């Protein structure tokens, strides 16, 4: 079944009709993610979270120090849910494409997480594990520590940007706007309308990842030589 914020909202509201689970950090974070999915980051407050869980705000603070701690935990939760490094392609380039694709899927299905990335840390075990595995793959491919770090940041920037600029409604809207632009004034935009609009979809996204990987790999080889 296709994931929607409405599905997420129904999950946590329907849970109130069932027997309440013992309160824990895991339960708090899972419910917070559902609220953020359904109502956006602005809808996620400790008061709203307590209401959804049927507890007092103080009960939440016994498990999570403050709202910032909850928001940081959500990033690690989504990283863990999508298990983005648990696959075994033999070619390291293919492995990176799959990893970035899984990250992108997680961000698309939980868009509120994007606004939380600026305050994310690697204190969470899942996020740190992902970083370690990516650097391990890159070091095994011959990158220096500096080169591996640069590749990681470039791929993260591209993956996050692809979601920000290419949400589910963007391609159709952008294609229409680019196609209808005055050709005399914007000939290059009109000619590339479809490619511009669809750039972050499916194979186009993978091609972008590969371009970054191949470009930085070639630059690194040139530097070493």
N, C-alpha and C. Protein backbone atom coordinates (compact mmCIF):
# COMPACT_ATOMS: atom_id res chain seq x y z
N UNK A 1 0.84 -1.19 0.00
CA UNK A 1 0.00 0.00 0.00
C UNK A 1 0.88 1.24 0.00
N UNK A 2 0.53 2.21 -0.80
CA UNK A 2 1.32 3.43 -0.89
C UNK A 2 1.23 4.19 0.42
N UNK A 3 2.38 4.67 0.85
CA UNK A 3 2.45 5.42 2.11
C UNK A 3 1.87 6.81 1.91
N UNK A 4 1.06 7.26 2.84
CA UNK A 4 0.56 8.63 2.83
C UNK A 4 0.57 9.15 4.25
N UNK A 5 0.58 10.47 4.38
CA UNK A 5 0.52 11.07 5.71
C UNK A 5 -0.79 10.72 6.39
N UNK A 6 -1.86 10.58 5.57
CA UNK A 6 -3.15 10.25 6.15
C UNK A 6 -3.09 8.86 6.77
N UNK A 7 -2.42 7.92 6.10
CA UNK A 7 -2.25 6.58 6.66
C UNK A 7 -1.55 6.65 8.00
N UNK A 8 -0.49 7.46 8.05
CA UNK A 8 0.26 7.62 9.29
C UNK A 8 -0.62 8.20 10.39
N UNK A 9 -1.42 9.20 10.05
CA UNK A 9 -2.30 9.83 11.02
C UNK A 9 -3.30 8.83 11.57
N UNK A 10 -3.85 8.00 10.70
CA UNK A 10 -4.83 7.01 11.14
C UNK A 10 -4.20 5.99 12.07
N UNK A 11 -2.94 5.67 11.83
CA UNK A 11 -2.28 4.69 12.67
C UNK A 11 -2.21 5.13 14.12
N UNK A 12 -1.80 6.40 14.33
CA UNK A 12 -1.65 6.78 15.73
C UNK A 12 -2.97 7.17 16.38
N UNK A 13 -3.95 7.65 15.61
CA UNK A 13 -5.24 7.95 16.22
C UNK A 13 -6.01 6.67 16.51
N UNK A 14 -5.89 5.70 15.61
CA UNK A 14 -6.56 4.43 15.84
C UNK A 14 -5.96 3.73 17.04
N UNK A 15 -4.67 3.99 17.30
CA UNK A 15 -4.01 3.35 18.43
C UNK A 15 -4.63 3.75 19.76
N UNK A 16 -5.25 4.91 19.80
CA UNK A 16 -5.87 5.35 21.06
C UNK A 16 -7.09 4.49 21.41
N UNK A 17 -7.67 3.86 20.37
CA UNK A 17 -8.83 3.01 20.61
C UNK A 17 -8.41 1.64 21.11
N UNK A 18 -7.11 1.31 20.90
CA UNK A 18 -6.62 0.03 21.39
C UNK A 18 -6.03 0.22 22.78
N UNK A 19 -5.64 -0.86 23.36
CA UNK A 19 -5.03 -0.79 24.68
C UNK A 19 -3.72 -0.01 24.60
N UNK A 20 -3.54 0.96 25.44
CA UNK A 20 -2.38 1.82 25.39
C UNK A 20 -1.11 1.05 25.70
N UNK A 21 -0.06 1.27 24.88
CA UNK A 21 1.22 0.65 25.13
C UNK A 21 1.93 1.39 26.27
N UNK A 22 2.79 0.69 27.00
CA UNK A 22 3.57 1.38 28.03
C UNK A 22 4.39 2.50 27.38
N UNK A 23 4.45 3.64 28.02
CA UNK A 23 5.16 4.77 27.45
C UNK A 23 6.66 4.52 27.48
N UNK A 24 7.31 4.79 26.36
CA UNK A 24 8.75 4.64 26.24
C UNK A 24 9.25 5.63 25.21
N UNK A 25 10.54 5.79 25.13
CA UNK A 25 11.10 6.70 24.13
C UNK A 25 10.74 6.24 22.72
N UNK A 26 10.77 4.93 22.49
CA UNK A 26 10.45 4.40 21.17
C UNK A 26 9.00 4.72 20.78
N UNK A 27 8.08 4.55 21.72
CA UNK A 27 6.67 4.85 21.45
C UNK A 27 6.48 6.34 21.20
N UNK A 28 7.16 7.16 21.98
CA UNK A 28 7.06 8.61 21.81
C UNK A 28 7.56 9.03 20.43
N UNK A 29 8.71 8.51 20.02
CA UNK A 29 9.27 8.89 18.72
C UNK A 29 8.40 8.41 17.57
N UNK A 30 7.87 7.20 17.67
CA UNK A 30 7.03 6.68 16.60
C UNK A 30 5.77 7.52 16.46
N UNK A 31 5.19 7.92 17.56
CA UNK A 31 3.99 8.76 17.51
C UNK A 31 4.34 10.16 17.00
N UNK A 32 5.48 10.67 17.42
CA UNK A 32 5.91 11.99 16.95
C UNK A 32 6.12 11.99 15.44
N UNK A 33 6.66 10.91 14.91
CA UNK A 33 6.86 10.81 13.47
C UNK A 33 5.52 10.81 12.74
N UNK A 34 4.55 10.10 13.29
CA UNK A 34 3.21 10.08 12.68
C UNK A 34 2.59 11.46 12.66
N UNK A 35 2.74 12.20 13.74
CA UNK A 35 2.20 13.56 13.80
C UNK A 35 2.91 14.45 12.78
N UNK A 36 4.23 14.38 12.73
CA UNK A 36 4.99 15.20 11.79
C UNK A 36 4.61 14.87 10.35
N UNK A 37 4.39 13.59 10.05
CA UNK A 37 3.98 13.19 8.70
C UNK A 37 2.63 13.78 8.34
N UNK A 38 1.71 13.73 9.28
CA UNK A 38 0.33 14.14 9.01
C UNK A 38 0.12 15.64 9.10
N UNK A 39 0.84 16.30 10.01
CA UNK A 39 0.56 17.71 10.30
C UNK A 39 1.75 18.63 10.07
N UNK A 40 2.87 18.07 9.64
CA UNK A 40 4.05 18.88 9.42
C UNK A 40 4.81 19.14 10.72
N UNK A 41 6.01 19.66 10.56
CA UNK A 41 6.84 19.93 11.74
C UNK A 41 6.16 20.91 12.69
N UNK A 42 5.45 21.90 12.12
CA UNK A 42 4.81 22.90 12.97
C UNK A 42 3.70 22.28 13.83
N UNK A 43 3.17 21.14 13.40
CA UNK A 43 2.12 20.48 14.18
C UNK A 43 2.66 19.62 15.31
N UNK A 44 3.97 19.39 15.30
CA UNK A 44 4.58 18.55 16.32
C UNK A 44 4.98 19.39 17.52
N UNK A 45 4.16 19.35 18.54
CA UNK A 45 4.46 20.00 19.82
C UNK A 45 4.37 18.96 20.91
N UNK A 46 4.99 19.24 22.04
CA UNK A 46 4.91 18.30 23.16
C UNK A 46 3.46 18.15 23.62
N UNK A 47 2.71 19.23 23.60
CA UNK A 47 1.31 19.16 24.00
C UNK A 47 0.51 18.27 23.03
N UNK A 48 0.75 18.43 21.74
CA UNK A 48 0.05 17.62 20.73
C UNK A 48 0.45 16.16 20.86
N UNK A 49 1.71 15.92 21.13
CA UNK A 49 2.22 14.57 21.30
C UNK A 49 1.60 13.90 22.53
N UNK A 50 1.52 14.66 23.61
CA UNK A 50 0.91 14.12 24.83
C UNK A 50 -0.55 13.79 24.60
N UNK A 51 -1.24 14.64 23.85
CA UNK A 51 -2.65 14.39 23.54
C UNK A 51 -2.82 13.10 22.75
N UNK A 52 -1.95 12.90 21.75
CA UNK A 52 -2.05 11.69 20.93
C UNK A 52 -1.76 10.43 21.73
N UNK A 53 -0.88 10.55 22.72
CA UNK A 53 -0.51 9.40 23.54
C UNK A 53 -1.42 9.20 24.74
N UNK A 54 -2.23 10.21 25.03
CA UNK A 54 -3.13 10.11 26.18
C UNK A 54 -2.40 10.23 27.50
N UNK A 55 -1.34 11.06 27.52
CA UNK A 55 -0.58 11.25 28.75
C UNK A 55 -0.39 12.75 28.97
N UNK A 56 0.26 13.11 30.06
CA UNK A 56 0.57 14.51 30.32
C UNK A 56 1.92 14.86 29.68
N UNK A 57 2.17 16.12 29.38
CA UNK A 57 3.49 16.50 28.85
C UNK A 57 4.64 16.08 29.76
N UNK A 58 4.43 16.13 31.07
CA UNK A 58 5.50 15.75 31.99
C UNK A 58 5.89 14.29 31.82
N UNK A 59 4.94 13.45 31.45
CA UNK A 59 5.24 12.04 31.23
C UNK A 59 6.21 11.87 30.06
N UNK A 60 6.07 12.71 29.06
CA UNK A 60 6.97 12.66 27.90
C UNK A 60 8.36 13.12 28.30
N UNK A 61 8.43 14.17 29.11
CA UNK A 61 9.73 14.71 29.52
C UNK A 61 10.53 13.71 30.37
N UNK A 62 9.88 12.72 30.91
CA UNK A 62 10.61 11.70 31.67
C UNK A 62 11.45 10.82 30.74
N UNK A 63 11.07 10.78 29.47
CA UNK A 63 11.77 9.95 28.49
C UNK A 63 12.59 10.76 27.49
N UNK A 64 12.16 11.97 27.20
CA UNK A 64 12.85 12.85 26.25
C UNK A 64 13.03 14.21 26.90
N UNK A 65 14.24 14.70 26.95
CA UNK A 65 14.54 15.91 27.72
C UNK A 65 13.75 17.12 27.25
N UNK A 66 13.59 17.27 25.93
CA UNK A 66 12.87 18.42 25.39
C UNK A 66 12.46 18.12 23.95
N UNK A 67 11.83 19.10 23.32
CA UNK A 67 11.37 18.90 21.94
C UNK A 67 12.53 18.70 20.99
N UNK A 68 13.64 19.40 21.21
CA UNK A 68 14.80 19.23 20.36
C UNK A 68 15.30 17.78 20.37
N UNK A 69 15.27 17.18 21.54
CA UNK A 69 15.71 15.79 21.64
C UNK A 69 14.78 14.87 20.85
N UNK A 70 13.50 15.18 20.87
CA UNK A 70 12.53 14.39 20.09
C UNK A 70 12.80 14.55 18.61
N UNK A 71 13.01 15.78 18.16
CA UNK A 71 13.24 16.03 16.74
C UNK A 71 14.53 15.38 16.26
N UNK A 72 15.57 15.43 17.07
CA UNK A 72 16.82 14.76 16.69
C UNK A 72 16.63 13.26 16.61
N UNK A 73 15.82 12.74 17.50
CA UNK A 73 15.56 11.30 17.50
C UNK A 73 14.80 10.84 16.27
N UNK A 74 13.98 11.72 15.71
CA UNK A 74 13.20 11.35 14.53
C UNK A 74 14.09 11.08 13.33
N UNK A 75 15.16 11.85 13.18
CA UNK A 75 16.08 11.63 12.06
C UNK A 75 16.69 10.23 12.17
N UNK A 76 17.16 9.88 13.34
CA UNK A 76 17.74 8.56 13.54
C UNK A 76 16.71 7.46 13.34
N UNK A 77 15.48 7.71 13.74
CA UNK A 77 14.41 6.73 13.58
C UNK A 77 14.17 6.41 12.11
N UNK A 78 14.08 7.45 11.28
CA UNK A 78 13.83 7.24 9.85
C UNK A 78 15.02 6.54 9.19
N UNK A 79 16.23 6.94 9.57
CA UNK A 79 17.43 6.28 9.04
C UNK A 79 17.38 4.79 9.33
N UNK A 80 17.01 4.44 10.56
CA UNK A 80 16.93 3.03 10.94
C UNK A 80 15.83 2.28 10.23
N UNK A 81 14.69 2.94 10.02
CA UNK A 81 13.56 2.28 9.37
C UNK A 81 13.89 1.83 7.96
N UNK A 82 14.67 2.64 7.23
CA UNK A 82 14.93 2.34 5.83
C UNK A 82 16.20 1.52 5.61
N UNK A 83 16.95 1.29 6.68
CA UNK A 83 18.10 0.37 6.64
C UNK A 83 18.90 0.57 5.36
N UNK A 84 19.32 1.81 5.12
CA UNK A 84 19.78 2.21 3.79
C UNK A 84 21.09 1.58 3.35
N UNK A 85 21.84 0.99 4.26
CA UNK A 85 23.12 0.38 3.86
C UNK A 85 23.09 -1.14 3.87
N UNK A 86 21.93 -1.72 4.12
CA UNK A 86 21.85 -3.19 4.23
C UNK A 86 21.52 -3.81 2.88
N UNK A 87 22.49 -3.77 1.97
CA UNK A 87 22.37 -4.42 0.67
C UNK A 87 23.78 -4.73 0.20
N UNK A 88 23.90 -5.62 -0.78
CA UNK A 88 25.22 -6.21 -1.06
C UNK A 88 25.64 -6.16 -2.52
N UNK A 89 25.40 -5.04 -3.21
CA UNK A 89 25.91 -4.93 -4.58
C UNK A 89 27.44 -5.05 -4.58
N UNK A 90 27.98 -5.78 -5.53
CA UNK A 90 29.43 -5.98 -5.57
C UNK A 90 30.18 -4.72 -6.00
N UNK A 91 29.59 -3.98 -6.90
CA UNK A 91 30.22 -2.77 -7.39
C UNK A 91 29.90 -1.62 -6.44
N UNK A 92 30.92 -0.90 -6.00
CA UNK A 92 30.70 0.14 -5.00
C UNK A 92 29.87 1.30 -5.54
N UNK A 93 29.95 1.54 -6.86
CA UNK A 93 29.12 2.58 -7.45
C UNK A 93 27.65 2.20 -7.39
N UNK A 94 27.35 0.94 -7.71
CA UNK A 94 25.97 0.45 -7.62
C UNK A 94 25.47 0.52 -6.17
N UNK A 95 26.35 0.19 -5.26
CA UNK A 95 25.98 0.20 -3.83
C UNK A 95 25.60 1.62 -3.40
N UNK A 96 26.37 2.61 -3.82
CA UNK A 96 26.07 3.99 -3.47
C UNK A 96 24.75 4.45 -4.08
N UNK A 97 24.48 4.04 -5.31
CA UNK A 97 23.21 4.41 -5.96
C UNK A 97 22.02 3.86 -5.19
N UNK A 98 22.12 2.61 -4.76
CA UNK A 98 21.03 2.01 -3.99
C UNK A 98 20.87 2.71 -2.65
N UNK A 99 21.98 3.01 -1.99
CA UNK A 99 21.93 3.69 -0.70
C UNK A 99 21.26 5.05 -0.82
N UNK A 100 21.66 5.83 -1.81
CA UNK A 100 21.06 7.15 -2.00
C UNK A 100 19.58 7.04 -2.37
N UNK A 101 19.24 6.03 -3.16
CA UNK A 101 17.85 5.83 -3.53
C UNK A 101 16.98 5.53 -2.32
N UNK A 102 17.48 4.72 -1.39
CA UNK A 102 16.74 4.40 -0.18
C UNK A 102 16.62 5.63 0.73
N UNK A 103 17.68 6.41 0.80
CA UNK A 103 17.60 7.65 1.58
C UNK A 103 16.54 8.58 1.00
N UNK A 104 16.54 8.70 -0.31
CA UNK A 104 15.58 9.58 -0.96
C UNK A 104 14.15 9.10 -0.69
N UNK A 105 13.94 7.81 -0.75
CA UNK A 105 12.61 7.27 -0.47
C UNK A 105 12.16 7.62 0.94
N UNK A 106 13.08 7.48 1.90
CA UNK A 106 12.73 7.81 3.28
C UNK A 106 12.35 9.27 3.44
N UNK A 107 13.07 10.17 2.76
CA UNK A 107 12.77 11.59 2.86
C UNK A 107 11.47 11.95 2.16
N UNK A 108 11.18 11.28 1.05
CA UNK A 108 9.93 11.53 0.34
C UNK A 108 8.73 11.10 1.19
N UNK A 109 8.86 9.97 1.85
CA UNK A 109 7.75 9.44 2.64
C UNK A 109 7.62 10.12 4.00
N UNK A 110 8.68 10.79 4.43
CA UNK A 110 8.64 11.53 5.70
C UNK A 110 9.21 12.93 5.46
N UNK A 111 8.53 13.75 4.68
CA UNK A 111 9.08 15.06 4.28
C UNK A 111 9.38 16.01 5.43
N UNK A 112 8.69 15.86 6.55
CA UNK A 112 8.95 16.75 7.68
C UNK A 112 10.37 16.58 8.21
N UNK A 113 10.98 15.44 7.94
CA UNK A 113 12.33 15.18 8.42
C UNK A 113 13.34 16.12 7.78
N UNK A 114 13.06 16.56 6.55
CA UNK A 114 14.01 17.41 5.84
C UNK A 114 14.32 18.68 6.64
N UNK A 115 13.30 19.28 7.21
CA UNK A 115 13.51 20.51 7.98
C UNK A 115 14.23 20.25 9.29
N UNK A 116 14.37 18.99 9.68
CA UNK A 116 15.05 18.66 10.93
C UNK A 116 16.52 18.32 10.72
N UNK A 117 16.92 18.15 9.47
CA UNK A 117 18.28 17.71 9.20
C UNK A 117 19.33 18.71 9.66
N UNK A 118 18.97 19.99 9.69
CA UNK A 118 19.93 21.01 10.09
C UNK A 118 20.33 20.86 11.56
N UNK A 119 19.47 20.25 12.36
CA UNK A 119 19.80 20.06 13.77
C UNK A 119 20.15 18.61 14.08
N UNK A 120 20.25 17.79 13.04
CA UNK A 120 20.58 16.39 13.25
C UNK A 120 22.03 16.25 13.70
N UNK A 121 22.28 15.25 14.52
CA UNK A 121 23.64 14.93 14.93
C UNK A 121 23.86 13.45 14.63
N UNK A 122 25.07 12.98 14.84
CA UNK A 122 25.33 11.57 14.65
C UNK A 122 25.44 10.85 15.99
N UNK A 123 24.76 11.43 16.99
CA UNK A 123 24.74 10.78 18.29
C UNK A 123 23.92 9.50 18.25
N UNK A 124 22.92 9.46 17.36
CA UNK A 124 22.09 8.27 17.22
C UNK A 124 22.87 7.14 16.57
N UNK A 125 22.68 5.93 17.06
CA UNK A 125 23.46 4.81 16.57
C UNK A 125 23.18 4.51 15.10
N UNK A 126 21.96 4.67 14.65
CA UNK A 126 21.62 4.34 13.26
C UNK A 126 22.31 5.30 12.30
N UNK A 127 22.25 6.59 12.56
CA UNK A 127 22.89 7.57 11.69
C UNK A 127 24.40 7.38 11.66
N UNK A 128 25.00 7.11 12.80
CA UNK A 128 26.44 6.90 12.86
C UNK A 128 26.84 5.64 12.11
N UNK A 129 26.02 4.60 12.21
CA UNK A 129 26.30 3.35 11.52
C UNK A 129 26.27 3.55 10.01
N UNK A 130 25.31 4.33 9.52
CA UNK A 130 25.22 4.62 8.09
C UNK A 130 26.46 5.38 7.63
N UNK A 131 26.84 6.41 8.37
CA UNK A 131 28.03 7.17 8.01
C UNK A 131 29.27 6.28 7.98
N UNK A 132 29.43 5.44 8.98
CA UNK A 132 30.58 4.53 9.04
C UNK A 132 30.61 3.59 7.83
N UNK A 133 29.45 3.04 7.46
CA UNK A 133 29.41 2.07 6.35
C UNK A 133 29.72 2.75 5.02
N UNK A 134 29.20 3.94 4.81
CA UNK A 134 29.46 4.66 3.55
C UNK A 134 30.94 4.99 3.44
N UNK A 135 31.53 5.50 4.51
CA UNK A 135 32.96 5.81 4.48
C UNK A 135 33.79 4.54 4.28
N UNK A 136 33.35 3.43 4.86
CA UNK A 136 34.04 2.16 4.70
C UNK A 136 34.05 1.73 3.23
N UNK A 137 32.89 1.85 2.57
CA UNK A 137 32.81 1.48 1.16
C UNK A 137 33.70 2.37 0.31
N UNK A 138 33.72 3.65 0.60
CA UNK A 138 34.52 4.58 -0.19
C UNK A 138 36.01 4.37 0.04
N UNK A 139 36.38 4.10 1.28
CA UNK A 139 37.80 3.82 1.56
C UNK A 139 38.22 2.53 0.85
N UNK A 140 37.33 1.54 0.82
CA UNK A 140 37.63 0.30 0.12
C UNK A 140 37.77 0.50 -1.38
N UNK A 141 37.11 1.54 -1.92
CA UNK A 141 37.19 1.86 -3.34
C UNK A 141 38.43 2.69 -3.67
N UNK A 142 39.23 3.03 -2.65
CA UNK A 142 40.47 3.74 -2.90
C UNK A 142 40.47 5.21 -2.54
N UNK A 143 39.37 5.71 -1.97
CA UNK A 143 39.34 7.12 -1.61
C UNK A 143 40.15 7.38 -0.35
N UNK A 144 40.76 8.56 -0.30
CA UNK A 144 41.42 9.00 0.92
C UNK A 144 40.35 9.39 1.93
N UNK A 145 40.69 9.54 3.20
CA UNK A 145 39.69 10.01 4.17
C UNK A 145 39.04 11.32 3.75
N UNK A 146 39.84 12.25 3.23
CA UNK A 146 39.30 13.53 2.78
C UNK A 146 38.38 13.34 1.57
N UNK A 147 38.79 12.50 0.65
CA UNK A 147 37.98 12.25 -0.54
C UNK A 147 36.67 11.56 -0.20
N UNK A 148 36.73 10.61 0.73
CA UNK A 148 35.51 9.89 1.15
C UNK A 148 34.53 10.85 1.81
N UNK A 149 35.05 11.74 2.66
CA UNK A 149 34.18 12.72 3.33
C UNK A 149 33.54 13.65 2.30
N UNK A 150 34.33 14.08 1.32
CA UNK A 150 33.79 14.96 0.28
C UNK A 150 32.71 14.28 -0.53
N UNK A 151 32.91 13.00 -0.86
CA UNK A 151 31.91 12.25 -1.61
C UNK A 151 30.63 12.11 -0.79
N UNK A 152 30.77 11.80 0.49
CA UNK A 152 29.59 11.66 1.36
C UNK A 152 28.76 12.94 1.36
N UNK A 153 29.40 14.07 1.57
CA UNK A 153 28.66 15.34 1.65
C UNK A 153 28.04 15.71 0.30
N UNK A 154 28.74 15.44 -0.78
CA UNK A 154 28.19 15.74 -2.11
C UNK A 154 26.95 14.91 -2.39
N UNK A 155 26.98 13.64 -2.04
CA UNK A 155 25.83 12.77 -2.28
C UNK A 155 24.66 13.13 -1.38
N UNK A 156 24.94 13.51 -0.13
CA UNK A 156 23.86 13.90 0.76
C UNK A 156 23.20 15.18 0.27
N UNK A 157 24.01 16.13 -0.19
CA UNK A 157 23.46 17.39 -0.68
C UNK A 157 22.57 17.14 -1.90
N UNK A 158 23.03 16.28 -2.80
CA UNK A 158 22.24 15.99 -4.00
C UNK A 158 20.95 15.26 -3.64
N UNK A 159 21.03 14.28 -2.75
CA UNK A 159 19.85 13.50 -2.37
C UNK A 159 18.80 14.36 -1.68
N UNK A 160 19.23 15.17 -0.72
CA UNK A 160 18.30 16.05 -0.01
C UNK A 160 17.72 17.08 -0.97
N UNK A 161 18.57 17.65 -1.82
CA UNK A 161 18.10 18.63 -2.79
C UNK A 161 17.11 18.06 -3.77
N UNK A 162 17.29 16.79 -4.15
CA UNK A 162 16.38 16.17 -5.11
C UNK A 162 14.97 16.06 -4.55
N UNK A 163 14.88 15.85 -3.23
CA UNK A 163 13.56 15.77 -2.60
C UNK A 163 12.95 17.15 -2.45
N UNK A 164 13.77 18.10 -2.05
CA UNK A 164 13.29 19.47 -1.86
C UNK A 164 12.78 20.07 -3.16
N UNK A 165 13.48 19.82 -4.25
CA UNK A 165 13.11 20.41 -5.54
C UNK A 165 12.20 19.53 -6.38
N UNK A 166 12.06 18.27 -5.99
CA UNK A 166 11.32 17.35 -6.85
C UNK A 166 10.24 16.58 -6.14
N UNK A 167 9.37 17.26 -5.37
CA UNK A 167 8.28 16.55 -4.70
C UNK A 167 7.31 15.99 -5.73
N UNK A 168 6.32 15.24 -5.27
CA UNK A 168 5.44 14.49 -6.17
C UNK A 168 4.66 15.37 -7.13
N UNK A 169 4.42 16.64 -6.77
CA UNK A 169 3.64 17.53 -7.64
C UNK A 169 4.52 18.39 -8.54
N UNK A 170 5.81 18.43 -8.25
CA UNK A 170 6.69 19.35 -8.95
C UNK A 170 6.86 19.05 -10.44
N UNK A 171 7.11 17.81 -10.87
CA UNK A 171 7.39 17.58 -12.29
C UNK A 171 6.32 18.12 -13.23
N UNK A 172 5.07 17.82 -12.95
CA UNK A 172 4.00 18.27 -13.83
C UNK A 172 3.91 19.79 -13.86
N UNK A 173 4.00 20.41 -12.68
CA UNK A 173 3.91 21.87 -12.60
C UNK A 173 5.08 22.53 -13.31
N UNK A 174 6.27 22.04 -13.04
CA UNK A 174 7.45 22.62 -13.67
C UNK A 174 7.43 22.44 -15.18
N UNK A 175 7.02 21.26 -15.64
CA UNK A 175 6.98 21.02 -17.08
C UNK A 175 6.04 22.00 -17.76
N UNK A 176 4.90 22.26 -17.14
CA UNK A 176 3.94 23.21 -17.72
C UNK A 176 4.52 24.62 -17.74
N UNK A 177 5.15 25.02 -16.64
CA UNK A 177 5.72 26.37 -16.58
C UNK A 177 6.86 26.54 -17.57
N UNK A 178 7.74 25.55 -17.67
CA UNK A 178 8.87 25.66 -18.58
C UNK A 178 8.42 25.65 -20.04
N UNK A 179 7.44 24.80 -20.33
CA UNK A 179 6.96 24.69 -21.71
C UNK A 179 6.28 25.97 -22.17
N UNK A 180 5.57 26.63 -21.27
CA UNK A 180 4.81 27.83 -21.61
C UNK A 180 5.64 29.11 -21.55
N UNK A 181 6.89 29.00 -21.14
CA UNK A 181 7.74 30.20 -21.06
C UNK A 181 7.93 30.78 -22.47
N UNK A 182 8.07 32.08 -22.60
CA UNK A 182 8.28 32.70 -23.92
C UNK A 182 9.56 32.17 -24.57
N UNK A 183 9.41 31.45 -25.67
CA UNK A 183 10.57 30.83 -26.31
C UNK A 183 11.61 31.85 -26.77
N UNK A 184 11.14 33.00 -27.23
CA UNK A 184 12.08 34.01 -27.72
C UNK A 184 13.02 34.49 -26.61
N UNK A 185 12.51 34.52 -25.40
CA UNK A 185 13.30 35.02 -24.28
C UNK A 185 14.06 33.91 -23.55
N UNK A 186 13.43 32.70 -23.47
CA UNK A 186 14.03 31.59 -22.74
C UNK A 186 14.11 30.34 -23.63
N UNK A 187 14.82 30.38 -24.74
CA UNK A 187 14.84 29.23 -25.66
C UNK A 187 15.43 27.97 -25.05
N UNK A 188 16.46 28.11 -24.22
CA UNK A 188 17.09 26.94 -23.62
C UNK A 188 16.17 26.28 -22.59
N UNK A 189 15.45 27.08 -21.84
CA UNK A 189 14.50 26.55 -20.84
C UNK A 189 13.40 25.76 -21.52
N UNK A 190 12.82 26.31 -22.58
CA UNK A 190 11.73 25.63 -23.29
C UNK A 190 12.22 24.33 -23.91
N UNK A 191 13.39 24.35 -24.49
CA UNK A 191 13.92 23.15 -25.14
C UNK A 191 14.20 22.04 -24.14
N UNK A 192 14.64 22.41 -22.95
CA UNK A 192 14.98 21.41 -21.93
C UNK A 192 13.86 21.21 -20.92
N UNK A 193 12.65 21.64 -21.23
CA UNK A 193 11.54 21.63 -20.27
C UNK A 193 11.32 20.28 -19.62
N UNK A 194 11.21 19.23 -20.41
CA UNK A 194 10.93 17.91 -19.85
C UNK A 194 12.07 17.42 -18.98
N UNK A 195 13.29 17.58 -19.47
CA UNK A 195 14.45 17.13 -18.71
C UNK A 195 14.58 17.89 -17.39
N UNK A 196 14.36 19.20 -17.43
CA UNK A 196 14.42 20.00 -16.21
C UNK A 196 13.38 19.55 -15.19
N UNK A 197 12.18 19.26 -15.67
CA UNK A 197 11.09 18.90 -14.77
C UNK A 197 11.25 17.51 -14.18
N UNK A 198 11.80 16.58 -14.96
CA UNK A 198 11.88 15.18 -14.54
C UNK A 198 13.24 14.80 -13.98
N UNK A 199 14.10 15.78 -13.75
CA UNK A 199 15.49 15.49 -13.44
C UNK A 199 15.67 14.59 -12.21
N UNK A 200 14.82 14.73 -11.23
CA UNK A 200 15.02 13.99 -9.98
C UNK A 200 14.16 12.73 -9.88
N UNK A 201 13.55 12.32 -10.97
CA UNK A 201 12.69 11.14 -10.94
C UNK A 201 13.45 9.89 -11.40
N UNK A 202 13.24 8.77 -10.70
CA UNK A 202 13.71 7.45 -11.13
C UNK A 202 15.13 7.40 -11.66
N UNK A 203 15.26 7.02 -12.93
CA UNK A 203 16.57 6.84 -13.54
C UNK A 203 17.35 8.14 -13.62
N UNK A 204 16.65 9.25 -13.74
CA UNK A 204 17.34 10.55 -13.79
C UNK A 204 18.07 10.81 -12.47
N UNK A 205 17.44 10.45 -11.36
CA UNK A 205 18.09 10.63 -10.06
C UNK A 205 19.32 9.74 -9.98
N UNK A 206 19.19 8.49 -10.39
CA UNK A 206 20.33 7.57 -10.36
C UNK A 206 21.46 8.08 -11.25
N UNK A 207 21.10 8.61 -12.42
CA UNK A 207 22.13 9.14 -13.31
C UNK A 207 22.87 10.30 -12.66
N UNK A 208 22.15 11.12 -11.89
CA UNK A 208 22.79 12.21 -11.18
C UNK A 208 23.76 11.72 -10.13
N UNK A 209 23.36 10.68 -9.39
CA UNK A 209 24.24 10.08 -8.38
C UNK A 209 25.50 9.55 -9.05
N UNK A 210 25.32 8.86 -10.15
CA UNK A 210 26.48 8.28 -10.85
C UNK A 210 27.40 9.36 -11.39
N UNK A 211 26.83 10.45 -11.85
CA UNK A 211 27.65 11.55 -12.37
C UNK A 211 28.53 12.13 -11.26
N UNK A 212 27.95 12.28 -10.07
CA UNK A 212 28.71 12.79 -8.93
C UNK A 212 29.81 11.80 -8.55
N UNK A 213 29.43 10.54 -8.46
CA UNK A 213 30.39 9.50 -8.07
C UNK A 213 31.53 9.41 -9.08
N UNK A 214 31.19 9.35 -10.36
CA UNK A 214 32.23 9.20 -11.38
C UNK A 214 33.12 10.45 -11.45
N UNK A 215 32.49 11.62 -11.32
CA UNK A 215 33.26 12.86 -11.39
C UNK A 215 34.24 12.99 -10.25
N UNK A 216 33.80 12.71 -9.03
CA UNK A 216 34.70 12.83 -7.88
C UNK A 216 35.73 11.72 -7.87
N UNK A 217 35.36 10.53 -8.36
CA UNK A 217 36.32 9.44 -8.45
C UNK A 217 37.43 9.79 -9.43
N UNK A 218 37.04 10.37 -10.56
CA UNK A 218 38.04 10.76 -11.57
C UNK A 218 38.94 11.88 -11.03
N UNK A 219 38.34 12.83 -10.34
CA UNK A 219 39.13 13.92 -9.77
C UNK A 219 40.11 13.39 -8.74
N UNK A 220 39.66 12.43 -7.94
CA UNK A 220 40.54 11.84 -6.94
C UNK A 220 41.68 11.07 -7.57
N UNK A 221 41.40 10.36 -8.66
CA UNK A 221 42.45 9.60 -9.34
C UNK A 221 43.48 10.55 -9.94
N UNK A 222 42.98 11.68 -10.48
CA UNK A 222 43.89 12.65 -11.07
C UNK A 222 44.80 13.25 -9.99
N UNK A 223 44.23 13.50 -8.82
CA UNK A 223 45.00 14.08 -7.73
C UNK A 223 46.08 13.10 -7.26
N UNK A 224 45.71 11.81 -7.16
CA UNK A 224 46.67 10.81 -6.70
C UNK A 224 47.80 10.61 -7.71
N UNK A 225 47.46 10.72 -9.02
CA UNK A 225 48.47 10.51 -10.04
C UNK A 225 49.43 11.70 -10.12
